[in-house]
Amino acid sequence: MAAANIAPLVSEAIDGDPTATEVATSCLDFLLIELVPMAYRITADLAAKEQEYLNGPLPSNAKASQQKSEKKETDNDASSGGTATVVDEDEAREAVFHRLEALGYRVGLGVVERVSRTHPRPTSPLATIKFLCKDLWTLLFRKQIDNLKTNHRGIYVLTDNTFKPLTRMSFDTIKHTQATQSTAQTTITERANAAGDIWGDASAFGPDANSISRAQPFLYFPAGVVRGCLAGLGVEASVSAETSGLPGAVFQIRTVGAKA
């Protein structure tokens, strides 16, 4: 059913273009799965190189030991959406955000350039947002936006109750009692102190809290795609995305000059 819905838009977008190629719609899902761990690995590698540049080269035996330790920490943290110990957690998250958001922005520009060959461009910001919610969202994520709200002053809130990139994400469904949360929080803190590692925010432990925190980086790239699509259609805006419960996602679009 989903493939049938997007087929006309896709066929129109590539019709008459001898250089156009088609790929499976699942390719975007696979891309998003790999993008976040890759971004964390790149951030950790760059931080390690910067540290080596500032502190000077290490002896060969010490360098090999450090690389082995950093690789293990990076693999463990990147797979969970966390950060390696070679870089501050907040700095790593910000670096990952800018990297993924910039990649998404370029993809969004390309999508609009291809689609606009066969579709007339919207003439107003509201028409642009509606085009994004209906046509572009269907092309990218195989469904339309579930809800659109606006204050008519340049701020738009798009709600997708079953955001496709998050639908296949596994997460902990166990609901913890207050006593269990307290015990688990103490255990996490003790293990973190013993290992000298970053286990994440133990105070956030609770029903789905850890899952939501880990899912957040997977929204950076889609937010960039949305911003790129809007820029390609002539609307300059900032886009933020968050989730309060998987697999839903909320995108807030704030156009330039918007008033709350």
Protein backbone atom coordinates (compact mmCIF):
# COMPACT_ATOMS: atom_id res chain seq x y z
CA MET A 1 0.00 0.00 0.00
CA ALA A 2 2.79 2.43 0.93
CA ALA A 3 4.72 1.65 -2.23
CA ALA A 4 1.62 2.27 -4.31
CA ASN A 5 1.10 5.67 -2.70
CA ILE A 6 4.59 6.97 -3.48
CA ALA A 7 4.92 5.36 -6.91
CA PRO A 8 3.24 8.20 -8.88
CA LEU A 9 5.39 10.88 -7.23
CA VAL A 10 8.58 8.90 -7.77
CA SER A 11 7.76 8.08 -11.39
CA GLU A 12 6.96 11.71 -12.13
CA ALA A 13 10.17 12.86 -10.48
CA ILE A 14 12.38 10.62 -12.64
CA ASP A 15 10.29 10.67 -15.84
CA GLY A 16 12.26 11.92 -18.80
CA ASP A 17 15.56 11.97 -16.91
CA PRO A 18 17.99 9.51 -18.58
CA THR A 19 20.40 9.79 -15.65
CA ALA A 20 17.79 8.89 -13.01
CA THR A 21 18.18 5.67 -11.06
CA GLU A 22 15.86 3.90 -8.65
CA VAL A 23 16.72 2.28 -5.32
CA ALA A 24 14.67 0.38 -2.76
CA THR A 25 12.80 2.55 -0.27
CA SER A 26 14.40 0.56 2.55
CA CYS A 27 17.79 2.07 1.65
CA LEU A 28 16.96 5.22 3.62
CA ASP A 29 16.15 3.08 6.67
CA PHE A 30 19.48 1.28 6.42
CA LEU A 31 21.28 4.58 5.92
CA LEU A 32 19.78 6.09 9.06
CA ILE A 33 20.71 3.00 11.08
CA GLU A 34 24.39 3.38 10.17
CA LEU A 35 24.66 7.19 10.16
CA VAL A 36 24.50 7.75 13.92
CA PRO A 37 27.15 5.19 14.98
CA MET A 38 29.36 6.42 12.14
CA ALA A 39 29.04 10.02 13.30
CA TYR A 40 30.02 9.07 16.86
CA ARG A 41 33.03 7.09 15.61
CA ILE A 42 34.20 10.03 13.51
CA THR A 43 33.77 12.39 16.46
CA ALA A 44 35.77 10.10 18.74
CA ASP A 45 38.53 9.69 16.14
CA LEU A 46 38.81 13.44 15.58
CA ALA A 47 38.91 14.07 19.33
CA ALA A 48 41.66 11.48 19.75
CA LYS A 49 43.72 13.05 16.95
CA GLU A 50 43.26 16.51 18.46
CA GLN A 51 44.35 15.22 21.85
CA GLU A 52 47.41 13.58 20.32
CA TYR A 53 48.28 16.80 18.49
CA LEU A 54 48.04 18.86 21.69
CA ASN A 55 49.86 16.39 23.95
CA GLY A 56 52.40 15.13 21.47
CA PRO A 57 52.82 11.65 20.02
CA LEU A 58 52.67 8.71 22.41
CA PRO A 59 55.20 5.86 22.57
CA SER A 60 54.29 3.01 20.25
CA ASN A 61 53.28 0.57 23.01
CA ALA A 62 51.21 3.19 24.86
CA LYS A 63 49.59 4.35 21.61
CA ALA A 64 48.56 0.81 20.67
CA SER A 65 47.06 0.26 24.12
CA GLN A 66 45.15 3.55 23.97
CA GLN A 67 43.81 2.85 20.47
CA LYS A 68 42.60 -0.58 21.53
CA SER A 69 40.87 0.88 24.59
CA GLU A 70 39.32 3.77 22.64
CA LYS A 71 38.07 1.43 19.89
CA LYS A 72 36.32 -0.77 22.45
CA GLU A 73 34.73 2.22 24.19
CA THR A 74 33.71 3.84 20.92
CA ASP A 75 32.08 0.67 19.59
CA ASN A 76 30.11 0.19 22.80
CA ASP A 77 29.00 3.80 23.10
CA ALA A 78 28.25 4.41 19.42
CA SER A 79 25.99 1.38 19.21
CA SER A 80 23.89 2.81 22.03
CA GLY A 81 23.93 6.44 20.84
CA GLY A 82 26.43 7.38 23.56
CA THR A 83 29.91 8.86 23.48
CA ALA A 84 33.44 7.64 24.04
CA THR A 85 35.45 8.79 27.03
CA VAL A 86 37.97 10.63 24.82
CA VAL A 87 35.50 13.46 24.34
CA ASP A 88 33.05 15.25 26.57
CA GLU A 89 29.51 13.89 26.23
CA ASP A 90 27.88 17.26 25.49
CA GLU A 91 30.59 18.20 23.00
CA ALA A 92 30.25 14.84 21.24
CA ARG A 93 26.48 15.17 20.98
CA GLU A 94 26.80 18.69 19.56
CA ALA A 95 29.42 17.58 17.03
CA VAL A 96 27.26 14.65 15.96
CA PHE A 97 24.24 16.95 15.64
CA HIS A 98 26.04 19.41 13.35
CA ARG A 99 27.50 16.61 11.22
CA LEU A 100 24.23 14.73 10.71
CA GLU A 101 22.11 17.86 10.35
CA ALA A 102 24.44 19.21 7.65
CA LEU A 103 24.29 15.89 5.77
CA GLY A 104 20.50 15.93 5.95
CA TYR A 105 20.40 19.52 4.72
CA ARG A 106 22.29 18.59 1.56
CA VAL A 107 19.99 15.63 0.97
CA GLY A 108 16.93 17.85 1.40
CA LEU A 109 18.20 20.31 -1.19
CA GLY A 110 18.74 17.47 -3.65
CA VAL A 111 15.29 15.99 -3.06
CA VAL A 112 13.56 19.31 -3.74
CA GLU A 113 15.65 19.91 -6.84
CA ARG A 114 14.59 16.57 -8.27
CA VAL A 115 10.90 16.75 -7.30
CA SER A 116 10.44 20.37 -8.41
CA ARG A 117 11.20 19.42 -12.00
CA THR A 118 7.70 18.00 -12.35
CA HIS A 119 5.82 19.83 -9.57
CA PRO A 120 5.08 23.55 -9.37
CA ARG A 121 6.74 25.31 -6.46
CA PRO A 122 4.50 26.56 -3.63
CA THR A 123 4.03 30.32 -3.57
CA SER A 124 3.58 30.89 0.17
CA PRO A 125 5.17 29.58 3.39
CA LEU A 126 1.95 27.81 4.44
CA ALA A 127 1.61 26.16 1.02
CA THR A 128 5.25 25.10 1.30
CA ILE A 129 4.64 23.48 4.69
CA LYS A 130 1.58 21.66 3.33
CA PHE A 131 3.60 20.45 0.34
CA LEU A 132 6.24 19.19 2.76
CA CYS A 133 3.68 17.41 4.96
CA LYS A 134 1.85 15.74 2.10
CA ASP A 135 4.07 15.15 -0.92
CA LEU A 136 7.64 15.27 0.35
CA TRP A 137 6.90 13.38 3.56
CA THR A 138 5.23 10.63 1.55
CA LEU A 139 8.22 10.46 -0.77
CA LEU A 140 10.74 10.31 2.07
CA PHE A 141 8.94 8.38 4.80
CA ARG A 142 6.11 6.61 2.92
CA LYS A 143 3.29 8.34 4.78
CA GLN A 144 1.84 11.80 5.37
CA ILE A 145 2.20 13.85 8.53
CA ASP A 146 -0.46 12.97 11.10
CA ASN A 147 -0.95 16.47 12.49
CA LEU A 148 0.06 20.02 11.55
CA LYS A 149 -0.34 22.99 13.88
CA THR A 150 0.67 26.61 13.42
CA ASN A 151 0.36 29.88 15.31
CA HIS A 152 0.12 31.73 11.96
CA ARG A 153 3.22 33.69 12.97
CA GLY A 154 5.86 31.52 11.35
CA ILE A 155 5.96 28.56 13.76
CA TYR A 156 4.77 25.14 12.63
CA VAL A 157 4.61 21.89 14.60
CA LEU A 158 4.54 18.64 12.61
CA THR A 159 3.59 15.45 14.44
CA ASP A 160 4.25 11.99 13.05
CA ASN A 161 2.81 9.36 15.37
CA THR A 162 4.62 6.50 13.63
CA PHE A 163 7.80 8.02 12.27
CA LYS A 164 9.24 5.37 9.96
CA PRO A 165 12.92 5.64 10.99
CA LEU A 166 11.92 4.93 14.60
CA THR A 167 9.39 2.14 14.02
CA ARG A 168 12.03 -0.60 13.84
CA MET A 169 14.01 0.66 16.80
CA SER A 170 14.08 -1.80 19.70
CA PHE A 171 13.77 -0.42 23.21
CA ASP A 172 13.18 -1.51 26.79
CA THR A 173 9.47 -1.98 27.44
CA ILE A 174 9.83 -2.89 31.13
CA LYS A 175 8.12 -0.38 33.39
CA HIS A 176 10.21 0.11 36.51
CA THR A 177 8.82 0.83 39.93
CA GLN A 178 10.28 3.57 42.12
CA ALA A 179 12.27 1.04 44.13
CA THR A 180 13.62 -0.62 40.98
CA GLN A 181 14.60 2.74 39.54
CA SER A 182 16.48 3.65 42.73
CA THR A 183 18.31 0.30 42.81
CA ALA A 184 19.21 0.44 39.13
CA GLN A 185 20.37 4.05 39.41
CA THR A 186 22.70 3.12 42.30
CA THR A 187 24.03 0.13 40.36
CA ILE A 188 24.70 2.22 37.27
CA THR A 189 26.54 4.84 39.31
CA GLU A 190 28.68 2.23 41.08
CA ARG A 191 29.61 0.53 37.81
CA ALA A 192 30.43 3.84 36.16
CA ASN A 193 32.70 4.85 39.04
CA ALA A 194 34.41 1.46 39.05
CA ALA A 195 34.94 1.42 35.30
CA GLY A 196 35.75 5.10 34.99
CA ASP A 197 33.40 5.22 32.04
CA ILE A 198 30.36 7.23 30.94
CA TRP A 199 27.19 5.19 31.20
CA GLY A 200 24.84 8.04 30.48
CA ASP A 201 22.57 9.98 32.77
CA ALA A 202 21.59 7.59 35.56
CA SER A 203 19.03 10.08 36.89
CA ALA A 204 17.11 9.70 33.63
CA PHE A 205 16.54 6.01 34.29
CA GLY A 206 12.84 5.22 34.16
CA PRO A 207 10.09 4.03 31.84
CA ASP A 208 11.46 4.46 28.29
CA ALA A 209 13.73 7.34 29.44
CA ASN A 210 16.92 5.68 28.27
CA SER A 211 15.33 4.62 24.98
CA ILE A 212 14.13 8.13 24.23
CA SER A 213 17.56 9.59 25.00
CA ARG A 214 19.23 7.11 22.68
CA ALA A 215 16.67 7.66 19.93
CA GLN A 216 17.20 11.43 19.86
CA PRO A 217 20.38 11.38 17.68
CA PHE A 218 18.47 9.45 15.01
CA LEU A 219 16.30 12.55 14.47
CA TYR A 220 19.21 14.87 13.64
CA PHE A 221 19.49 13.73 10.02
CA PRO A 222 15.72 13.91 9.28
CA ALA A 223 15.61 17.40 10.83
CA GLY A 224 18.36 18.44 8.45
CA VAL A 225 16.46 16.94 5.51
CA VAL A 226 13.40 18.97 6.44
CA ARG A 227 15.43 22.18 6.72
CA GLY A 228 17.07 21.47 3.36
CA CYS A 229 13.70 20.86 1.69
CA LEU A 230 12.36 24.14 3.04
CA ALA A 231 15.48 26.03 1.94
CA GLY A 232 15.17 24.54 -1.54
CA LEU A 233 11.60 25.81 -1.67
CA GLY A 234 12.62 29.32 -0.59
CA VAL A 235 11.74 29.14 3.12
CA GLU A 236 14.60 29.80 5.54
CA ALA A 237 13.87 28.19 8.90
CA SER A 238 15.35 26.35 11.84
CA VAL A 239 14.10 22.82 12.48
CA SER A 240 14.23 20.89 15.73
CA ALA A 241 13.01 17.33 16.26
CA GLU A 242 12.32 15.34 19.39
CA THR A 243 10.44 12.28 20.58
CA SER A 244 8.53 11.83 23.80
CA GLY A 245 7.63 8.22 23.08
CA LEU A 246 8.71 5.82 20.36
CA PRO A 247 7.93 5.63 17.50
CA GLY A 248 6.42 9.13 17.44
CA ALA A 249 8.33 12.26 16.50
CA VAL A 250 7.57 15.98 16.61
CA PHE A 251 9.25 18.51 14.31
CA GLN A 252 9.11 22.21 15.13
CA ILE A 253 9.75 24.60 12.26
CA ARG A 254 10.54 28.21 13.08
CA THR A 255 10.82 30.41 10.02
CA VAL A 256 13.04 33.49 9.95
CA GLY A 257 11.25 36.34 11.71
CA ALA A 258 8.74 34.04 13.42
CA LYS A 259 6.99 35.28 16.55
CA ALA A 260 5.95 33.05 19.42
